[in-house]
Amino acid sequence: MVENTTIYGNISLVYIVFFVIVITVSIMAPDFLYNLSSVIRNIICIILIFKYNPYKKIVMTEQDGLIIFTAAVFLLTSSFIIDAAIYNLDRIHAFFKIY
């Protein structure tokens, strides 16, 4: 079984990459922020559907519970962060001084 430190390290890495992507997209192509949100939701949903397909027999483990919980929290936080980035586009551009 995978150690919890590895799982939490991977989760942290995903959030760091996500923040970099959101900031980059909001600077370079702010019109694609809505698309980014949809792509993230679709990828997570596809992963969860394949992993927890109701047509195959699965035995839930503690790690499965962590995956489901983390996916739900990531969906919530990514929606919040992207909405906040869309709302504050002018401030993001002013902070990075790009027009």
C-alpha atoms as a PDB file:
ATOM      1  CA  MET A   1       0.000   0.000   0.000  1.00  0.00           C
ATOM      2  CA  VAL A   2       1.165   3.524  -0.741  1.00  0.00           C
ATOM      3  CA  GLU A   3       2.294   5.558   2.226  1.00  0.00           C
ATOM      4  CA  ASN A   4       0.232   8.555   3.302  1.00  0.00           C
ATOM      5  CA  THR A   5       3.209  10.900   2.909  1.00  0.00           C
ATOM      6  CA  THR A   6       3.453   9.959  -0.770  1.00  0.00           C
ATOM      7  CA  ILE A   7      -0.255  10.547  -1.279  1.00  0.00           C
ATOM      8  CA  TYR A   8      -0.175  13.928   0.468  1.00  0.00           C
ATOM      9  CA  GLY A   9       2.953  14.889  -1.460  1.00  0.00           C
ATOM     10  CA  ASN A  10       1.207  14.086  -4.735  1.00  0.00           C
ATOM     11  CA  ILE A  11      -1.854  16.079  -3.668  1.00  0.00           C
ATOM     12  CA  SER A  12       0.346  19.061  -2.836  1.00  0.00           C
ATOM     13  CA  LEU A  13       2.071  18.782  -6.205  1.00  0.00           C
ATOM     14  CA  VAL A  14      -1.290  18.726  -7.999  1.00  0.00           C
ATOM     15  CA  TYR A  15      -2.393  21.905  -6.204  1.00  0.00           C
ATOM     16  CA  ILE A  16       0.890  23.691  -7.007  1.00  0.00           C
ATOM     17  CA  VAL A  17       0.619  22.766 -10.685  1.00  0.00           C
ATOM     18  CA  PHE A  18      -3.038  23.818 -10.647  1.00  0.00           C
ATOM     19  CA  PHE A  19      -2.205  27.277  -9.220  1.00  0.00           C
ATOM     20  CA  VAL A  20       0.522  27.779 -11.814  1.00  0.00           C
ATOM     21  CA  ILE A  21      -1.853  26.786 -14.617  1.00  0.00           C
ATOM     22  CA  VAL A  22      -4.639  29.081 -13.367  1.00  0.00           C
ATOM     23  CA  ILE A  23      -2.294  32.060 -13.044  1.00  0.00           C
ATOM     24  CA  THR A  24      -0.740  31.393 -16.455  1.00  0.00           C
ATOM     25  CA  VAL A  25      -4.097  31.001 -18.171  1.00  0.00           C
ATOM     26  CA  SER A  26      -5.528  34.094 -16.467  1.00  0.00           C
ATOM     27  CA  ILE A  27      -2.563  36.140 -17.715  1.00  0.00           C
ATOM     28  CA  MET A  28      -2.142  34.707 -21.203  1.00  0.00           C
ATOM     29  CA  ALA A  29      -5.704  33.770 -22.197  1.00  0.00           C
ATOM     30  CA  PRO A  30      -8.318  34.777 -19.625  1.00  0.00           C
ATOM     31  CA  ASP A  31     -11.156  33.735 -21.930  1.00  0.00           C
ATOM     32  CA  PHE A  32     -10.155  30.098 -21.429  1.00  0.00           C
ATOM     33  CA  LEU A  33     -10.666  30.066 -17.651  1.00  0.00           C
ATOM     34  CA  TYR A  34     -14.210  28.747 -18.053  1.00  0.00           C
ATOM     35  CA  ASN A  35     -12.904  26.027 -20.365  1.00  0.00           C
ATOM     36  CA  LEU A  36     -10.189  25.136 -17.871  1.00  0.00           C
ATOM     37  CA  SER A  37     -12.806  24.621 -15.196  1.00  0.00           C
ATOM     38  CA  SER A  38     -14.808  22.327 -17.470  1.00  0.00           C
ATOM     39  CA  VAL A  39     -11.754  20.319 -18.486  1.00  0.00           C
ATOM     40  CA  ILE A  40     -10.716  19.782 -14.862  1.00  0.00           C
ATOM     41  CA  ARG A  41     -14.202  18.653 -13.858  1.00  0.00           C
ATOM     42  CA  ASN A  42     -14.442  16.289 -16.819  1.00  0.00           C
ATOM     43  CA  ILE A  43     -11.034  14.702 -16.175  1.00  0.00           C
ATOM     44  CA  ILE A  44     -11.829  14.084 -12.516  1.00  0.00           C
ATOM     45  CA  CYS A  45     -15.253  12.663 -13.375  1.00  0.00           C
ATOM     46  CA  ILE A  46     -13.794  10.311 -15.989  1.00  0.00           C
ATOM     47  CA  ILE A  47     -11.152   9.074 -13.553  1.00  0.00           C
ATOM     48  CA  LEU A  48     -13.754   8.438 -10.861  1.00  0.00           C
ATOM     49  CA  ILE A  49     -16.104   6.705 -13.294  1.00  0.00           C
ATOM     50  CA  PHE A  50     -13.389   4.337 -14.510  1.00  0.00           C
ATOM     51  CA  LYS A  51     -12.056   3.648 -11.026  1.00  0.00           C
ATOM     52  CA  TYR A  52     -15.438   3.141  -9.323  1.00  0.00           C
ATOM     53  CA  ASN A  53     -17.465   1.649 -12.156  1.00  0.00           C
ATOM     54  CA  PRO A  54     -20.701   0.163 -10.729  1.00  0.00           C
ATOM     55  CA  TYR A  55     -20.522  -2.748 -13.195  1.00  0.00           C
ATOM     56  CA  LYS A  56     -17.411  -4.249 -11.649  1.00  0.00           C
ATOM     57  CA  LYS A  57     -16.942  -5.550  -8.175  1.00  0.00           C
ATOM     58  CA  ILE A  58     -14.753  -3.322  -6.062  1.00  0.00           C
ATOM     59  CA  VAL A  59     -13.649  -3.547  -2.476  1.00  0.00           C
ATOM     60  CA  MET A  60     -13.365  -0.134  -0.902  1.00  0.00           C
ATOM     61  CA  THR A  61     -10.156   0.505   0.963  1.00  0.00           C
ATOM     62  CA  GLU A  62      -9.006   3.443   3.057  1.00  0.00           C
ATOM     63  CA  GLN A  63      -7.044   4.698   0.067  1.00  0.00           C
ATOM     64  CA  ASP A  64     -10.206   4.660  -2.094  1.00  0.00           C
ATOM     65  CA  GLY A  65     -11.972   6.795   0.480  1.00  0.00           C
ATOM     66  CA  LEU A  66      -9.063   9.221   0.420  1.00  0.00           C
ATOM     67  CA  ILE A  67      -9.167   9.381  -3.383  1.00  0.00           C
ATOM     68  CA  ILE A  68     -12.892  10.146  -3.404  1.00  0.00           C
ATOM     69  CA  PHE A  69     -12.608  12.745  -0.648  1.00  0.00           C
ATOM     70  CA  THR A  70      -9.618  14.418  -2.303  1.00  0.00           C
ATOM     71  CA  ALA A  71     -11.394  14.520  -5.666  1.00  0.00           C
ATOM     72  CA  ALA A  72     -14.435  16.171  -4.074  1.00  0.00           C
ATOM     73  CA  VAL A  73     -12.309  18.740  -2.241  1.00  0.00           C
ATOM     74  CA  PHE A  74     -10.303  19.442  -5.394  1.00  0.00           C
ATOM     75  CA  LEU A  75     -13.486  19.994  -7.410  1.00  0.00           C
ATOM     76  CA  LEU A  76     -14.744  22.429  -4.787  1.00  0.00           C
ATOM     77  CA  THR A  77     -11.498  24.360  -4.434  1.00  0.00           C
ATOM     78  CA  SER A  78     -10.797  24.458  -8.160  1.00  0.00           C
ATOM     79  CA  SER A  79     -14.257  25.904  -8.826  1.00  0.00           C
ATOM     80  CA  PHE A  80     -13.699  28.514  -6.123  1.00  0.00           C
ATOM     81  CA  ILE A  81     -10.191  29.435  -7.312  1.00  0.00           C
ATOM     82  CA  ILE A  82     -11.176  29.723 -10.976  1.00  0.00           C
ATOM     83  CA  ASP A  83     -14.229  31.833 -10.113  1.00  0.00           C
ATOM     84  CA  ALA A  84     -12.035  34.067  -7.944  1.00  0.00           C
ATOM     85  CA  ALA A  85      -9.498  34.381 -10.778  1.00  0.00           C
ATOM     86  CA  ILE A  86     -12.233  35.355 -13.228  1.00  0.00           C
ATOM     87  CA  TYR A  87     -13.602  37.928 -10.780  1.00  0.00           C
ATOM     88  CA  ASN A  88     -10.134  39.393 -10.088  1.00  0.00           C
ATOM     89  CA  LEU A  89      -8.613  39.378 -13.581  1.00  0.00           C
ATOM     90  CA  ASP A  90      -7.787  43.092 -13.419  1.00  0.00           C
ATOM     91  CA  ARG A  91      -5.957  42.650 -10.119  1.00  0.00           C
ATOM     92  CA  ILE A  92      -4.019  39.660 -11.440  1.00  0.00           C
ATOM     93  CA  HIS A  93      -2.954  41.607 -14.504  1.00  0.00           C
ATOM     94  CA  ALA A  94      -1.983  44.629 -12.368  1.00  0.00           C
ATOM     95  CA  PHE A  95       0.020  42.407 -10.016  1.00  0.00           C
ATOM     96  CA  PHE A  96       2.011  40.924 -12.876  1.00  0.00           C
ATOM     97  CA  LYS A  97       1.936  44.234 -14.823  1.00  0.00           C
ATOM     98  CA  ILE A  98       0.835  42.621 -18.073  1.00  0.00           C
ATOM     99  CA  TYR A  99      -1.679  44.315 -20.356  1.00  0.00           C
END
